[in-house]
C-alpha atoms as a PDB file:
ATOM      1  CA  MET A   1     127.122 207.516 110.355  1.00  0.00           C
ATOM      2  CA  LEU A   2     130.327 206.977 112.246  1.00  0.00           C
ATOM      3  CA  SER A   3     131.905 210.205 113.342  1.00  0.00           C
ATOM      4  CA  GLU A   4     134.698 208.699 115.428  1.00  0.00           C
ATOM      5  CA  SER A   5     137.691 206.784 114.134  1.00  0.00           C
ATOM      6  CA  ILE A   6     138.043 203.202 115.236  1.00  0.00           C
ATOM      7  CA  CYS A   7     141.407 202.131 116.634  1.00  0.00           C
ATOM      8  CA  LEU A   8     142.500 198.532 116.698  1.00  0.00           C
ATOM      9  CA  ARG A   9     144.885 197.425 119.395  1.00  0.00           C
ATOM     10  CA  ILE A  10     147.274 194.687 118.317  1.00  0.00           C
ATOM     11  CA  VAL A  11     148.410 192.567 121.222  1.00  0.00           C
ATOM     12  CA  PRO A  12     151.773 190.819 120.767  1.00  0.00           C
ATOM     13  CA  TYR A  13     151.686 187.062 121.265  1.00  0.00           C
ATOM     14  CA  SER A  14     154.091 184.137 121.430  1.00  0.00           C
ATOM     15  CA  LEU A  15     153.541 181.422 118.869  1.00  0.00           C
ATOM     16  CA  LEU A  16     154.529 177.785 118.342  1.00  0.00           C
ATOM     17  CA  THR A  17     153.576 176.392 114.944  1.00  0.00           C
ATOM     18  CA  HIS A  18     152.853 172.776 114.107  1.00  0.00           C
ATOM     19  CA  CYS A  19     152.714 171.845 110.437  1.00  0.00           C
ATOM     20  CA  ALA A  20     153.390 169.103 107.927  1.00  0.00           C
ATOM     21  CA  MET A  21     154.770 171.418 105.225  1.00  0.00           C
ATOM     22  CA  SER A  22     152.575 169.302 102.974  1.00  0.00           C
ATOM     23  CA  ASP A  23     151.105 172.081 100.875  1.00  0.00           C
ATOM     24  CA  PHE A  24     151.199 175.777 100.200  1.00  0.00           C
ATOM     25  CA  SER A  25     148.863 176.618 103.104  1.00  0.00           C
ATOM     26  CA  ASP A  26     151.510 175.436 105.591  1.00  0.00           C
ATOM     27  CA  ALA A  27     154.124 177.540 103.818  1.00  0.00           C
ATOM     28  CA  GLY A  28     151.802 180.553 103.854  1.00  0.00           C
ATOM     29  CA  ALA A  29     151.032 180.146 107.545  1.00  0.00           C
ATOM     30  CA  LEU A  30     154.742 179.875 108.315  1.00  0.00           C
ATOM     31  CA  LEU A  31     155.448 182.979 106.227  1.00  0.00           C
ATOM     32  CA  LEU A  32     152.793 184.963 108.115  1.00  0.00           C
ATOM     33  CA  ALA A  33     154.045 183.771 111.488  1.00  0.00           C
ATOM     34  CA  ALA A  34     157.650 184.628 110.608  1.00  0.00           C
ATOM     35  CA  THR A  35     156.863 188.109 109.322  1.00  0.00           C
ATOM     36  CA  SER A  36     154.138 189.253 111.709  1.00  0.00           C
ATOM     37  CA  SER A  37     155.240 192.191 113.834  1.00  0.00           C
ATOM     38  CA  SER A  38     152.790 191.149 116.535  1.00  0.00           C
ATOM     39  CA  ALA A  39     154.043 187.557 116.838  1.00  0.00           C
ATOM     40  CA  ASP A  40     157.078 186.146 118.579  1.00  0.00           C
ATOM     41  CA  LEU A  41     157.658 182.862 116.744  1.00  0.00           C
ATOM     42  CA  LEU A  42     159.198 180.592 119.381  1.00  0.00           C
ATOM     43  CA  ALA A  43     159.520 177.334 117.435  1.00  0.00           C
ATOM     44  CA  VAL A  44     158.287 175.345 114.454  1.00  0.00           C
ATOM     45  CA  ASN A  45     157.343 171.681 114.820  1.00  0.00           C
ATOM     46  CA  ILE A  46     157.096 169.574 111.665  1.00  0.00           C
ATOM     47  CA  ASN A  47     155.033 166.403 111.892  1.00  0.00           C
ATOM     48  CA  PHE A  48     156.107 164.759 108.617  1.00  0.00           C
ATOM     49  CA  PRO A  49     159.585 163.195 109.022  1.00  0.00           C
ATOM     50  CA  SER A  50     161.064 164.262 105.686  1.00  0.00           C
ATOM     51  CA  THR A  51     164.363 166.083 105.395  1.00  0.00           C
ATOM     52  CA  TYR A  52     162.733 168.104 102.618  1.00  0.00           C
ATOM     53  CA  SER A  53     160.030 169.412 104.959  1.00  0.00           C
ATOM     54  CA  ALA A  54     162.625 170.587 107.472  1.00  0.00           C
ATOM     55  CA  LEU A  55     164.785 172.195 104.779  1.00  0.00           C
ATOM     56  CA  ALA A  56     161.779 173.926 103.201  1.00  0.00           C
ATOM     57  CA  ALA A  57     160.718 175.371 106.576  1.00  0.00           C
ATOM     58  CA  SER A  58     164.297 176.432 107.246  1.00  0.00           C
ATOM     59  CA  ALA A  59     164.528 178.121 103.827  1.00  0.00           C
ATOM     60  CA  ILE A  60     161.296 180.073 104.401  1.00  0.00           C
ATOM     61  CA  LEU A  61     162.397 181.196 107.865  1.00  0.00           C
ATOM     62  CA  ALA A  62     165.906 182.134 106.698  1.00  0.00           C
ATOM     63  CA  HIS A  63     164.536 184.115 103.763  1.00  0.00           C
ATOM     64  CA  TYR A  64     162.656 186.337 106.193  1.00  0.00           C
ATOM     65  CA  GLY A  65     165.582 186.622 108.622  1.00  0.00           C
ATOM     66  CA  SER A  66     164.194 184.343 111.314  1.00  0.00           C
ATOM     67  CA  ASN A  67     166.469 182.176 113.426  1.00  0.00           C
ATOM     68  CA  THR A  68     163.595 180.129 114.852  1.00  0.00           C
ATOM     69  CA  PRO A  69     164.369 176.549 115.946  1.00  0.00           C
ATOM     70  CA  ILE A  70     162.749 173.729 113.978  1.00  0.00           C
ATOM     71  CA  GLY A  71     161.783 170.402 115.502  1.00  0.00           C
ATOM     72  CA  ILE A  72     160.992 167.271 113.511  1.00  0.00           C
ATOM     73  CA  ARG A  73     160.259 163.712 114.555  1.00  0.00           C
ATOM     74  CA  ARG A  74     162.741 160.959 113.806  1.00  0.00           C
ATOM     75  CA  PRO A  75     163.785 158.924 111.893  1.00  0.00           C
ATOM     76  CA  LEU A  76     164.220 161.319 108.995  1.00  0.00           C
ATOM     77  CA  THR A  77     163.605 160.096 105.471  1.00  0.00           C
ATOM     78  CA  ASN A  78     163.910 161.485 101.973  1.00  0.00           C
ATOM     79  CA  VAL A  79     160.257 160.657 101.306  1.00  0.00           C
ATOM     80  CA  THR A  80     158.217 163.626 100.197  1.00  0.00           C
ATOM     81  CA  PHE A  81     154.600 164.306 101.000  1.00  0.00           C
ATOM     82  CA  PHE A  82     152.538 163.430  97.950  1.00  0.00           C
ATOM     83  CA  ASP A  83     149.019 164.790  97.753  1.00  0.00           C
ATOM     84  CA  SER A  84     147.064 162.419  95.520  1.00  0.00           C
ATOM     85  CA  TRP A  85     143.875 164.439  95.972  1.00  0.00           C
ATOM     86  CA  PHE A  86     145.268 167.595  94.327  1.00  0.00           C
ATOM     87  CA  PHE A  87     147.810 166.030  91.996  1.00  0.00           C
ATOM     88  CA  GLU A  88     148.033 169.207  89.881  1.00  0.00           C
ATOM     89  CA  LEU A  89     149.515 171.125  92.800  1.00  0.00           C
ATOM     90  CA  GLY A  90     152.316 168.596  93.034  1.00  0.00           C
ATOM     91  CA  GLU A  91     154.901 168.106  95.703  1.00  0.00           C
ATOM     92  CA  TYR A  92     156.788 171.267  96.448  1.00  0.00           C
ATOM     93  CA  THR A  93     158.904 170.878  99.603  1.00  0.00           C
ATOM     94  CA  SER A  94     161.773 169.159  97.795  1.00  0.00           C
ATOM     95  CA  LYS A  95     161.766 171.972  95.226  1.00  0.00           C
ATOM     96  CA  VAL A  96     161.813 174.705  97.889  1.00  0.00           C
ATOM     97  CA  ALA A  97     164.515 172.807  99.781  1.00  0.00           C
ATOM     98  CA  TYR A  98     166.591 172.301  96.638  1.00  0.00           C
ATOM     99  CA  HIS A  99     166.413 175.863  95.339  1.00  0.00           C
ATOM    100  CA  TRP A 100     166.351 177.983  98.497  1.00  0.00           C
ATOM    101  CA  SER A 101     167.772 176.105 101.479  1.00  0.00           C
ATOM    102  CA  GLY A 102     171.396 177.098 100.943  1.00  0.00           C
ATOM    103  CA  VAL A 103     172.422 173.427 101.141  1.00  0.00           C
ATOM    104  CA  VAL A 104     175.004 172.333  98.586  1.00  0.00           C
ATOM    105  CA  TRP A 105     173.573 169.232  96.921  1.00  0.00           C
ATOM    106  CA  ALA A 106     175.859 166.504  95.607  1.00  0.00           C
ATOM    107  CA  SER A 107     175.930 166.123  91.833  1.00  0.00           C
END
């Protein structure tokens, strides 16, 4: 039987993230990095050159009040990441970018 309480020490750390924003796991990891009190999110690097990926990452960060810089390789395209393995999950970055980025889209 444990008679003493166990204390966990959380050590703050600096973090650079590298993601494709290709599925919900990238979005979840970015959410955790942006909201963790023990992390100092220094930058986000996106390795899929889609404007939608950058806007989706920006929307997630802005929603949680983060002003973290985002880097993305060039040239930018409007091509979205399509996951043919899990078709049911669909492509979501363009939807996140469209609904939550704050960008005014032309009609």
